[in-house]
């Protein structure tokens, strides 16, 4: 029986002349796309290939098929979806669709009542019936692509077949094998699978890709390290993330230089032990590997920041990333000579509603002892209990980013982007905020925070009300007072919410055309195999 696809094809890194196709097959095989071939490599009994297609023409659309051991396996016979294509970057309009937080559960009435419509699936069905020109040039997935700690009925059934869920970690994902199944459940819906085969995707993790509150603090890490099941979990989670999400983020030059890719593809047998060793080291020594990356699309640059794995959690010098990675990020943000629109991807919002920002800054200070050791313990409990873990809770990094963005936004003509935007998710509501430079108008870039969350995992009505009140009302009243009482200085920049909040399942799309920029947030509605997308928020940038 010939080999076939288990998952994919997924169109990943695309530039002006090349593209990367990711696949998982059911056995070792040779995979061919548009004349380019790749042999699979094996990790824990699973088989993967990265097929690099080169020598494409800029600004073109090329249909493709996938062959496995000489047999055509994609597109599938009788598929209702258009043939997948590779669209290389050109010089015209750019559209980028982004969002975060997607639960992979069925689409029946029961699950729609709890989780709403899957916006990613609704987008796929809508685009399948539209002109190719309507498809975005990129899909930016900003975290919680999978939920390893809040598993679906199908995932729990798989887990129960393997082990006793009465033992920790219960119905949470435990190891690489369970992560592999989790990703299959996330990306095998026919419409979503088609979308990922024809729109190039960039991805970054957030906490639920590993576990809720991942690396929120040193105390959290110490608590998890004491769990006997944690090493298998974190090793499996990081290894699976590298395979299913990160490897496809890499450009051709980055793939050529990546030591992990070289290691797993050079093993003659199963590379599971090699990838496990890497994953454990990446957790224990975050500076040993960089997850942040960049992607240029026409006049736009995306600098994607690892906001989770590389954190510095020493209470005396907390930071979102270590100094070496910060220098790498800063160099890419400053390199704007030919960049009209600069976007900084970070799973966690940089600019929160102001009151919530002050509460997180207060919590960081008091957890570090500003109000004494007894209150510090209570502050740590609050931090983990209500997710006070965004950039505002890493004051040193918040200030460094403010200084960096101000430097770029007020830079000389010709090196100053028209737009600087933070793209984020995580918080389960969507909004747009604008950073202000009082006394300066035409001589600065316009700086925005754009948040789109969730794709499919809405808060209940009660939690929407409580969350909205906490973020936009109560926190605004008390946050500033508490922060000042804890000795926290005022933020170095000013900002305000100009669009939202909205609590719908949604995806947001940036439209960059002829020197203008606009963002729209859309929610989806599906009736059978027919879908529509409806705007719920818009903003001109």
Protein backbone atom coordinates (compact mmCIF):
# COMPACT_ATOMS: atom_id res chain seq x y z
CA UNK A 1 0.00 0.00 0.00
CA UNK A 2 1.53 3.38 -0.99
CA UNK A 3 2.33 6.07 1.55
CA UNK A 4 -0.16 8.88 1.95
CA UNK A 5 -0.65 12.15 3.80
CA UNK A 6 -1.56 12.25 7.48
CA UNK A 7 -1.56 16.05 7.68
CA UNK A 8 -0.92 18.87 5.26
CA UNK A 9 0.13 20.07 2.82
CA UNK A 10 0.70 23.33 4.65
CA UNK A 11 2.05 26.31 2.76
CA UNK A 12 4.50 28.00 5.12
CA UNK A 13 7.31 30.42 4.31
CA UNK A 14 6.79 32.18 0.96
CA UNK A 15 8.80 35.04 -0.51
CA UNK A 16 9.25 36.49 -4.00
CA UNK A 17 10.76 33.38 -5.60
CA UNK A 18 10.42 30.43 -3.20
CA UNK A 19 7.95 28.54 -1.04
CA UNK A 20 8.03 25.86 1.64
CA UNK A 21 5.50 23.03 1.77
CA UNK A 22 5.17 21.06 5.04
CA UNK A 23 3.65 17.56 5.13
CA UNK A 24 3.27 14.61 7.49
CA UNK A 25 3.04 11.15 5.91
CA UNK A 26 2.06 7.77 7.31
CA UNK A 27 5.43 6.13 6.57
CA UNK A 28 8.89 7.05 5.23
CA UNK A 29 8.56 8.45 1.73
CA UNK A 30 9.79 10.86 -0.90
CA UNK A 31 7.59 13.92 -1.37
CA UNK A 32 7.52 15.92 -4.60
CA UNK A 33 6.02 19.36 -5.31
CA UNK A 34 6.53 21.23 -8.61
CA UNK A 35 9.67 19.24 -9.35
CA UNK A 36 11.20 19.78 -5.91
CA UNK A 37 11.68 16.70 -3.74
CA UNK A 38 12.35 15.96 -0.08
CA UNK A 39 12.75 12.73 1.82
CA UNK A 40 10.85 12.41 5.07
CA UNK A 41 12.59 12.35 8.42
CA UNK A 42 11.20 10.45 11.40
CA UNK A 43 10.41 11.65 14.92
CA UNK A 44 8.87 9.23 17.42
CA UNK A 45 7.46 7.10 14.62
CA UNK A 46 5.94 10.05 12.71
CA UNK A 47 7.23 11.12 9.31
CA UNK A 48 7.67 14.69 8.07
CA UNK A 49 8.98 16.48 5.01
CA UNK A 50 9.80 20.08 4.21
CA UNK A 51 9.70 20.59 0.45
CA UNK A 52 11.48 23.75 -0.72
CA UNK A 53 10.23 25.03 -4.08
CA UNK A 54 12.58 27.52 -5.73
CA UNK A 55 12.88 29.55 -8.95
CA UNK A 56 9.32 30.87 -8.92
CA UNK A 57 8.46 34.20 -10.54
CA UNK A 58 7.63 37.16 -8.27
CA UNK A 59 4.00 38.17 -8.08
CA UNK A 60 2.68 34.98 -9.68
CA UNK A 61 0.17 32.29 -8.77
CA UNK A 62 1.22 28.70 -9.42
CA UNK A 63 -1.12 25.72 -8.85
CA UNK A 64 0.63 22.76 -7.26
CA UNK A 65 0.07 19.11 -6.47
CA UNK A 66 1.73 16.84 -3.92
CA UNK A 67 3.16 13.46 -4.90
CA UNK A 68 4.22 10.87 -2.33
CA UNK A 69 6.44 8.12 -3.74
CA UNK A 70 5.30 9.06 -7.23
CA UNK A 71 1.57 8.93 -6.45
CA UNK A 72 -0.53 12.11 -6.53
CA UNK A 73 -2.15 12.56 -3.09
CA UNK A 74 -3.16 16.23 -3.10
CA UNK A 75 -5.49 17.74 -4.10
CA UNK A 76 -7.73 14.81 -3.28
CA UNK A 77 -9.94 13.36 -5.99
CA UNK A 78 -13.37 14.93 -5.93
CA UNK A 79 -12.32 17.75 -3.61
CA UNK A 80 -14.93 20.54 -3.51
CA UNK A 81 -12.20 23.11 -2.95
CA UNK A 82 -10.17 25.00 -5.57
CA UNK A 83 -6.70 23.64 -6.38
CA UNK A 84 -4.05 24.94 -3.96
CA UNK A 85 -1.72 27.59 -5.31
CA UNK A 86 1.55 29.23 -4.34
CA UNK A 87 1.30 33.00 -4.67
CA UNK A 88 4.70 34.64 -4.50
CA UNK A 89 5.13 38.15 -3.20
CA UNK A 90 4.92 41.04 -5.62
CA UNK A 91 4.73 44.81 -5.38
CA UNK A 92 0.98 45.42 -5.15
CA UNK A 93 -1.65 45.25 -2.45
CA UNK A 94 -0.88 43.23 0.68
CA UNK A 95 -3.44 41.59 2.95
CA UNK A 96 -2.50 39.89 6.23
CA UNK A 97 -5.08 38.03 8.32
CA UNK A 98 -4.32 37.44 11.99
CA UNK A 99 -5.83 36.05 15.16
CA UNK A 100 -5.29 33.73 18.11
CA UNK A 101 -6.94 31.27 20.48
CA UNK A 102 -8.71 28.50 18.57
CA UNK A 103 -10.32 25.47 20.18
CA UNK A 104 -10.54 22.52 17.78
CA UNK A 105 -13.95 21.03 18.50
CA UNK A 106 -16.76 19.80 16.21
CA UNK A 107 -19.04 22.18 14.34
CA UNK A 108 -22.38 20.75 15.43
CA UNK A 109 -25.07 22.69 17.27
CA UNK A 110 -23.90 21.55 20.70
CA UNK A 111 -20.36 22.84 20.23
CA UNK A 112 -21.49 26.01 18.45
CA UNK A 113 -23.54 26.92 21.51
CA UNK A 114 -20.45 26.72 23.70
CA UNK A 115 -17.66 27.76 21.33
CA UNK A 116 -19.46 29.70 18.59
CA UNK A 117 -18.57 29.53 14.93
CA UNK A 118 -15.01 28.60 14.01
CA UNK A 119 -13.88 31.82 12.32
CA UNK A 120 -10.93 30.11 10.63
CA UNK A 121 -13.25 27.56 9.04
CA UNK A 122 -15.73 30.28 8.08
CA UNK A 123 -12.93 32.22 6.40
CA UNK A 124 -11.82 29.10 4.54
CA UNK A 125 -15.31 28.36 3.24
CA UNK A 126 -15.80 32.00 2.24
CA UNK A 127 -12.50 32.18 0.35
CA UNK A 128 -13.12 28.84 -1.35
CA UNK A 129 -16.11 30.41 -3.08
CA UNK A 130 -14.44 33.73 -3.87
CA UNK A 131 -11.93 34.92 -6.45
CA UNK A 132 -8.34 33.99 -5.74
CA UNK A 133 -7.50 37.69 -5.47
CA UNK A 134 -9.57 37.86 -2.28
CA UNK A 135 -7.24 35.52 -0.41
CA UNK A 136 -4.85 37.11 2.07
CA UNK A 137 -1.14 37.07 1.34
CA UNK A 138 -0.44 35.61 4.74
CA UNK A 139 -2.08 34.13 7.80
CA UNK A 140 -0.51 35.15 11.12
CA UNK A 141 -1.48 32.84 13.99
CA UNK A 142 -0.57 34.49 17.26
CA UNK A 143 -0.76 31.70 19.80
CA UNK A 144 -2.96 29.03 21.32
CA UNK A 145 -3.20 27.24 17.99
CA UNK A 146 -3.80 24.19 20.18
CA UNK A 147 -4.95 23.79 23.78
CA UNK A 148 -2.85 21.18 25.52
CA UNK A 149 -4.50 21.77 28.89
CA UNK A 150 -8.17 22.15 27.89
CA UNK A 151 -8.73 19.14 25.66
CA UNK A 152 -11.73 18.26 23.51
CA UNK A 153 -13.88 15.14 23.83
CA UNK A 154 -12.05 13.56 20.89
CA UNK A 155 -8.66 14.32 22.43
CA UNK A 156 -9.72 12.97 25.81
CA UNK A 157 -10.90 9.74 24.18
CA UNK A 158 -7.47 9.34 22.56
CA UNK A 159 -5.75 9.97 25.89
CA UNK A 160 -7.93 7.42 27.71
CA UNK A 161 -6.94 4.76 25.18
CA UNK A 162 -3.28 5.29 26.12
CA UNK A 163 -3.21 5.76 29.90
CA UNK A 164 -5.10 6.14 33.15
CA UNK A 165 -6.49 9.68 33.36
CA UNK A 166 -6.87 9.30 37.13
CA UNK A 167 -3.11 9.87 37.24
CA UNK A 168 -1.61 13.31 36.51
CA UNK A 169 -1.75 15.10 34.16
CA UNK A 170 -5.22 13.64 33.74
CA UNK A 171 -6.90 14.66 30.50
CA UNK A 172 -4.20 17.19 29.67
CA UNK A 173 -1.68 16.29 26.99
CA UNK A 174 1.22 14.30 28.44
CA UNK A 175 3.82 13.71 25.72
CA UNK A 176 4.82 14.05 22.07
CA UNK A 177 2.44 11.34 20.83
CA UNK A 178 -0.52 13.13 22.33
CA UNK A 179 0.67 16.46 20.94
CA UNK A 180 0.87 14.92 17.46
CA UNK A 181 -2.75 13.82 17.76
CA UNK A 182 -3.73 17.25 19.08
CA UNK A 183 -2.30 18.92 15.97
CA UNK A 184 -4.08 16.44 13.71
CA UNK A 185 -7.39 17.31 15.35
CA UNK A 186 -6.64 21.02 14.90
CA UNK A 187 -5.77 20.97 11.21
CA UNK A 188 -7.60 18.12 9.47
CA UNK A 189 -11.00 19.78 9.05
CA UNK A 190 -11.32 19.79 5.22
CA UNK A 191 -11.92 23.53 4.90
CA UNK A 192 -9.15 24.50 7.31
CA UNK A 193 -6.80 22.01 5.68
CA UNK A 194 -7.47 23.58 2.27
CA UNK A 195 -6.93 27.10 3.63
CA UNK A 196 -3.58 26.14 5.14
CA UNK A 197 -2.55 24.55 1.84
CA UNK A 198 -3.06 27.75 -0.13
CA UNK A 199 -2.44 30.71 2.23
CA UNK A 200 1.08 30.86 3.75
CA UNK A 201 1.03 30.80 7.55
CA UNK A 202 3.38 32.26 10.16
CA UNK A 203 2.92 31.04 13.74
CA UNK A 204 4.08 31.71 17.27
CA UNK A 205 3.15 29.95 20.49
CA UNK A 206 1.42 31.27 23.58
CA UNK A 207 0.83 29.55 26.89
CA UNK A 208 -1.92 27.04 26.02
CA UNK A 209 0.23 25.54 23.26
CA UNK A 210 2.20 24.27 26.26
CA UNK A 211 0.16 24.96 29.44
CA UNK A 212 -1.82 27.82 30.99
CA UNK A 213 0.43 30.52 32.51
CA UNK A 214 3.54 29.04 30.88
CA UNK A 215 6.56 30.90 32.26
CA UNK A 216 4.47 33.53 34.00
CA UNK A 217 7.00 33.68 36.86
CA UNK A 218 9.88 31.93 38.55
CA UNK A 219 7.46 30.56 41.15
CA UNK A 220 5.35 29.01 38.38
CA UNK A 221 8.41 27.28 36.89
CA UNK A 222 9.45 25.93 40.26
CA UNK A 223 5.96 24.58 40.89
CA UNK A 224 5.84 22.83 37.50
CA UNK A 225 9.38 21.45 37.80
CA UNK A 226 8.28 19.63 40.94
CA UNK A 227 5.64 17.66 39.02
CA UNK A 228 6.93 14.20 37.99
CA UNK A 229 5.09 14.37 34.65
CA UNK A 230 6.30 17.83 33.64
CA UNK A 231 9.55 16.92 31.87
CA UNK A 232 7.74 14.68 29.35
CA UNK A 233 5.10 17.37 28.86
CA UNK A 234 7.41 20.31 28.24
CA UNK A 235 9.76 18.21 26.11
CA UNK A 236 6.91 16.88 23.99
CA UNK A 237 5.31 20.31 23.71
CA UNK A 238 8.41 22.14 22.55
CA UNK A 239 9.45 19.32 20.21
CA UNK A 240 5.97 19.26 18.66
CA UNK A 241 5.91 23.05 18.38
CA UNK A 242 9.21 23.02 16.52
CA UNK A 243 7.88 20.37 14.09
CA UNK A 244 4.31 21.51 13.53
CA UNK A 245 4.69 25.27 13.84
CA UNK A 246 8.19 26.69 14.00
CA UNK A 247 10.12 24.89 11.24
CA UNK A 248 7.78 26.36 8.65
CA UNK A 249 8.46 29.90 9.88
CA UNK A 250 12.06 29.74 8.71
CA UNK A 251 13.32 31.41 5.54
CA UNK A 252 15.60 29.48 3.14
CA UNK A 253 18.72 30.99 4.71
CA UNK A 254 17.44 30.31 8.22
CA UNK A 255 16.67 26.70 7.35
CA UNK A 256 20.17 26.28 5.96
CA UNK A 257 21.63 27.55 9.24
CA UNK A 258 19.22 25.92 11.70
CA UNK A 259 21.07 23.33 13.82
CA UNK A 260 17.91 21.50 14.82
CA UNK A 261 16.75 20.97 11.25
CA UNK A 262 20.23 19.78 10.31
CA UNK A 263 20.27 17.38 13.24
CA UNK A 264 16.87 15.75 12.70
CA UNK A 265 17.32 15.39 8.93
CA UNK A 266 20.78 13.83 9.25
CA UNK A 267 19.69 10.96 11.52
CA UNK A 268 19.35 7.71 9.58
CA UNK A 269 16.70 6.30 11.91
CA UNK A 270 14.29 7.94 14.34
CA UNK A 271 15.32 11.44 15.44
CA UNK A 272 12.99 11.52 18.44
CA UNK A 273 15.81 11.43 20.99
CA UNK A 274 17.63 14.24 19.15
CA UNK A 275 14.57 16.48 19.14
CA UNK A 276 13.75 15.65 22.76
CA UNK A 277 17.26 16.63 23.84
CA UNK A 278 16.93 19.92 21.96
CA UNK A 279 13.48 20.62 23.44
CA UNK A 280 14.59 20.01 27.01
CA UNK A 281 17.60 22.25 26.55
CA UNK A 282 15.42 24.97 24.99
CA UNK A 283 13.30 24.94 28.14
CA UNK A 284 16.19 24.79 30.60
CA UNK A 285 18.46 27.20 28.69
CA UNK A 286 16.16 29.53 26.74
CA UNK A 287 19.08 31.46 25.28
CA UNK A 288 20.21 28.30 23.46
CA UNK A 289 17.63 28.75 20.65
CA UNK A 290 15.79 31.70 19.11
CA UNK A 291 12.08 31.32 18.32
CA UNK A 292 11.60 34.92 17.16
CA UNK A 293 11.67 35.45 13.40
CA UNK A 294 10.96 37.97 10.64
CA UNK A 295 8.96 37.87 7.46
CA UNK A 296 8.93 40.52 4.71
CA UNK A 297 5.81 40.78 2.54
CA UNK A 298 5.95 43.51 -0.08
CA UNK A 299 6.24 46.87 1.72
CA UNK A 300 5.51 45.26 5.10
CA UNK A 301 7.81 43.63 7.62
CA UNK A 302 6.67 41.32 10.40
CA UNK A 303 9.01 40.91 13.36
CA UNK A 304 7.57 38.06 15.41
CA UNK A 305 8.66 37.94 19.05
CA UNK A 306 8.79 34.88 21.27
CA UNK A 307 6.89 36.21 24.29
CA UNK A 308 6.91 32.93 26.25
CA UNK A 309 9.81 30.49 26.04
CA UNK A 310 12.67 32.97 26.25
CA UNK A 311 11.53 34.92 29.29
CA UNK A 312 13.92 35.94 32.03
CA UNK A 313 12.10 35.21 35.30
CA UNK A 314 14.63 36.22 37.94
CA UNK A 315 12.55 38.65 40.05
CA UNK A 316 15.44 41.11 40.04
CA UNK A 317 15.62 41.35 36.24
CA UNK A 318 12.38 40.05 34.72
CA UNK A 319 12.22 40.42 30.94
CA UNK A 320 10.17 39.13 28.03
CA UNK A 321 13.40 38.04 26.29
CA UNK A 322 17.06 37.93 27.28
CA UNK A 323 19.51 40.66 26.30
CA UNK A 324 20.95 38.83 23.28
CA UNK A 325 17.53 38.18 21.79
CA UNK A 326 16.48 41.75 22.50
CA UNK A 327 19.48 42.99 20.53
CA UNK A 328 18.43 40.72 17.64
CA UNK A 329 14.85 42.05 17.77
CA UNK A 330 15.95 45.67 18.02
CA UNK A 331 18.22 45.34 14.98
CA UNK A 332 15.32 44.03 12.86
CA UNK A 333 12.92 46.69 14.10
CA UNK A 334 15.44 49.44 13.32
CA UNK A 335 16.14 48.12 9.81
CA UNK A 336 13.31 50.06 8.15
CA UNK A 337 14.89 51.75 5.13
CA UNK A 338 12.56 50.01 2.65
CA UNK A 339 9.74 49.20 5.07
CA UNK A 340 6.52 51.15 4.76
CA UNK A 341 4.56 49.19 7.36
CA UNK A 342 6.32 47.61 10.34
CA UNK A 343 4.40 45.04 12.36
CA UNK A 344 5.63 43.53 15.61
CA UNK A 345 3.95 40.23 16.38
CA UNK A 346 3.69 39.27 20.02
CA UNK A 347 1.15 36.78 21.31
CA UNK A 348 0.59 38.99 24.36
CA UNK A 349 -0.66 42.55 23.80
CA UNK A 350 1.97 45.22 24.31
CA UNK A 351 -0.60 47.95 24.97
CA UNK A 352 -3.39 46.81 27.27
CA UNK A 353 -6.33 48.92 28.43
CA UNK A 354 -4.58 51.48 30.62
CA UNK A 355 -6.12 50.43 33.93
CA UNK A 356 -5.20 46.78 33.37
CA UNK A 357 -1.67 47.85 32.44
CA UNK A 358 -1.30 49.61 35.78
CA UNK A 359 -2.70 46.62 37.68
CA UNK A 360 -0.14 44.32 36.06
CA UNK A 361 2.69 46.75 36.81
CA UNK A 362 1.49 46.98 40.43
CA UNK A 363 1.34 43.21 40.66
CA UNK A 364 4.88 42.80 39.34
CA UNK A 365 6.19 45.26 41.91
CA UNK A 366 4.32 43.75 44.85
CA UNK A 367 5.16 40.16 43.86
CA UNK A 368 8.80 41.27 43.96
CA UNK A 369 8.35 42.54 47.52
CA UNK A 370 7.37 46.21 47.21
CA UNK A 371 4.76 45.70 49.95
CA UNK A 372 6.69 43.09 51.92
CA UNK A 373 7.17 39.31 51.74
CA UNK A 374 3.72 38.36 53.04
CA UNK A 375 1.96 40.42 50.39
CA UNK A 376 4.43 39.15 47.77
CA UNK A 377 3.07 35.63 48.22
CA UNK A 378 -0.49 36.88 47.80
CA UNK A 379 0.52 38.88 44.72
CA UNK A 380 2.02 35.76 43.13
CA UNK A 381 -1.25 33.91 43.73
CA UNK A 382 -3.16 36.75 42.09
CA UNK A 383 -0.70 36.86 39.18
CA UNK A 384 -1.28 33.21 38.31
CA UNK A 385 -4.97 33.26 39.14
CA UNK A 386 -5.99 36.10 36.83
CA UNK A 387 -3.21 35.98 34.21
CA UNK A 388 -1.31 39.19 35.03
CA UNK A 389 1.50 38.22 32.67
CA UNK A 390 1.59 40.60 29.70
CA UNK A 391 4.24 43.14 28.74
CA UNK A 392 2.96 45.42 31.49
CA UNK A 393 4.04 42.77 34.01
CA UNK A 394 7.59 42.96 32.62
CA UNK A 395 8.25 46.64 33.20
CA UNK A 396 11.87 46.58 32.04
CA UNK A 397 10.86 45.11 28.68
CA UNK A 398 7.87 47.43 28.32
CA UNK A 399 10.10 50.47 28.72
CA UNK A 400 12.75 49.10 26.36
CA UNK A 401 10.11 48.50 23.68
CA UNK A 402 8.66 51.98 24.20
CA UNK A 403 12.11 53.48 23.69
CA UNK A 404 12.75 51.35 20.60
CA UNK A 405 9.43 52.11 18.93
CA UNK A 406 9.74 55.81 19.72
CA UNK A 407 13.20 55.83 18.16
CA UNK A 408 11.86 54.22 14.97
CA UNK A 409 8.61 56.19 14.83
CA UNK A 410 10.35 59.55 15.22
CA UNK A 411 13.31 58.69 13.02
CA UNK A 412 14.49 60.56 9.94
CA UNK A 413 12.45 60.76 6.75
CA UNK A 414 13.17 57.80 4.50
CA UNK A 415 13.82 55.45 7.40
CA UNK A 416 10.58 56.05 9.27
CA UNK A 417 7.75 53.58 8.52
CA UNK A 418 4.36 55.00 7.75
CA UNK A 419 2.80 52.60 10.24
CA UNK A 420 4.06 50.65 13.24
CA UNK A 421 1.63 48.08 14.57
CA UNK A 422 1.70 45.49 17.34
CA UNK A 423 -0.28 42.37 16.38
CA UNK A 424 -1.48 40.33 19.36
CA UNK A 425 -4.10 37.98 20.76
CA UNK A 426 -4.47 36.11 24.08
CA UNK A 427 -7.01 38.23 25.97
CA UNK A 428 -10.24 36.88 24.37
CA UNK A 429 -11.43 40.25 23.19
CA UNK A 430 -10.47 42.39 20.20
CA UNK A 431 -9.54 46.05 20.13
CA UNK A 432 -7.37 48.68 18.53
CA UNK A 433 -5.31 51.19 20.51
CA UNK A 434 -3.24 54.13 19.30
CA UNK A 435 -0.04 55.34 20.90
CA UNK A 436 0.20 59.13 21.12
CA UNK A 437 3.18 61.44 20.77
CA UNK A 438 1.92 64.77 22.13
CA UNK A 439 3.15 67.74 20.15
CA UNK A 440 4.18 65.59 17.19
CA UNK A 441 1.95 64.71 14.23
CA UNK A 442 3.28 64.44 10.69
CA UNK A 443 6.84 63.80 11.82
CA UNK A 444 6.07 60.44 13.41
CA UNK A 445 4.91 57.01 12.36
CA UNK A 446 1.42 56.12 13.45
CA UNK A 447 1.73 53.46 16.14
CA UNK A 448 -1.06 51.02 16.95
CA UNK A 449 -1.83 47.97 19.04
CA UNK A 450 -4.16 45.61 17.15
CA UNK A 451 -5.58 42.66 19.08
CA UNK A 452 -7.69 39.84 17.63
CA UNK A 453 -8.81 37.11 20.02
CA UNK A 454 -10.38 34.56 20.02
CA UNK A 455 -10.66 32.74 16.70
CA UNK A 456 -12.85 30.17 18.46
CA UNK A 457 -12.96 30.18 22.24
CA UNK A 458 -15.27 32.95 23.47
CA UNK A 459 -15.76 33.96 27.05
CA UNK A 460 -19.16 33.24 28.56
CA UNK A 461 -21.52 36.22 28.82
CA UNK A 462 -20.80 36.47 32.54
CA UNK A 463 -17.05 36.42 31.99
CA UNK A 464 -17.36 38.95 29.17
CA UNK A 465 -19.08 41.34 31.54
CA UNK A 466 -16.62 40.74 34.36
CA UNK A 467 -13.60 40.89 32.06
CA UNK A 468 -14.81 44.06 30.38
CA UNK A 469 -15.54 45.70 33.71
CA UNK A 470 -12.17 44.69 35.11
CA UNK A 471 -10.18 45.78 32.07
CA UNK A 472 -12.04 48.93 31.10
CA UNK A 473 -13.81 50.21 34.23
CA UNK A 474 -12.70 48.97 37.65
CA UNK A 475 -9.05 48.67 36.66
CA UNK A 476 -9.07 52.17 35.24
CA UNK A 477 -10.25 53.54 38.57
CA UNK A 478 -7.90 51.67 40.87
CA UNK A 479 -4.95 50.62 38.72
CA UNK A 480 -3.16 53.94 38.61
CA UNK A 481 -3.51 54.53 42.35
CA UNK A 482 -2.20 51.06 43.23
CA UNK A 483 0.72 51.32 40.82
CA UNK A 484 1.84 54.66 42.26
CA UNK A 485 1.48 53.35 45.83
CA UNK A 486 3.78 50.45 44.90
CA UNK A 487 6.38 52.86 43.55
CA UNK A 488 5.80 52.04 39.88
CA UNK A 489 6.62 55.01 37.63
CA UNK A 490 4.17 56.21 35.01
CA UNK A 491 4.48 54.46 31.64
CA UNK A 492 6.89 56.23 29.28
CA UNK A 493 4.24 56.48 26.54
CA UNK A 494 0.54 57.35 26.31
CA UNK A 495 -2.17 55.43 24.46
CA UNK A 496 -5.92 55.06 24.21
CA UNK A 497 -8.39 52.45 22.94
CA UNK A 498 -9.90 53.69 19.66
CA UNK A 499 -11.76 50.57 18.46
CA UNK A 500 -13.54 47.94 20.52
CA UNK A 501 -13.59 45.99 22.66
CA UNK A 502 -15.47 43.17 20.93
CA UNK A 503 -15.85 39.72 22.44
CA UNK A 504 -16.88 37.85 19.26
CA UNK A 505 -14.95 35.01 17.69
CA UNK A 506 -13.05 36.88 15.01
CA UNK A 507 -10.19 37.22 12.58
CA UNK A 508 -8.66 40.56 11.65
CA UNK A 509 -7.29 41.53 8.25
CA UNK A 510 -4.81 44.28 7.46
CA UNK A 511 -5.18 45.87 4.02
CA UNK A 512 -2.10 47.72 2.80
CA UNK A 513 -2.66 49.52 -0.52
CA UNK A 514 -1.18 52.57 -2.22
CA UNK A 515 0.28 54.10 0.91
CA UNK A 516 -2.79 53.48 3.04
CA UNK A 517 -3.48 50.96 5.79
CA UNK A 518 -6.76 49.69 7.17
CA UNK A 519 -7.75 46.88 9.52
CA UNK A 520 -11.08 45.13 9.79
CA UNK A 521 -12.23 42.57 12.33
CA UNK A 522 -14.70 39.99 11.05
CA UNK A 523 -16.78 37.24 12.57
CA UNK A 524 -18.08 34.25 10.63
CA UNK A 525 -21.38 32.52 10.09
CA UNK A 526 -21.64 29.04 8.58
CA UNK A 527 -24.75 27.35 7.21
CA UNK A 528 -23.84 23.90 5.93
CA UNK A 529 -21.00 24.41 3.47
CA UNK A 530 -21.79 28.09 2.93
CA UNK A 531 -20.18 30.82 4.99
CA UNK A 532 -20.18 34.59 5.29
CA UNK A 533 -17.81 36.96 7.05
CA UNK A 534 -19.23 40.13 8.63
CA UNK A 535 -17.29 43.19 9.80
CA UNK A 536 -17.63 43.99 13.49
CA UNK A 537 -14.86 46.61 13.80
CA UNK A 538 -12.78 48.69 11.41
CA UNK A 539 -10.01 51.23 11.77
CA UNK A 540 -7.96 53.33 9.37
CA UNK A 541 -4.30 53.31 10.35
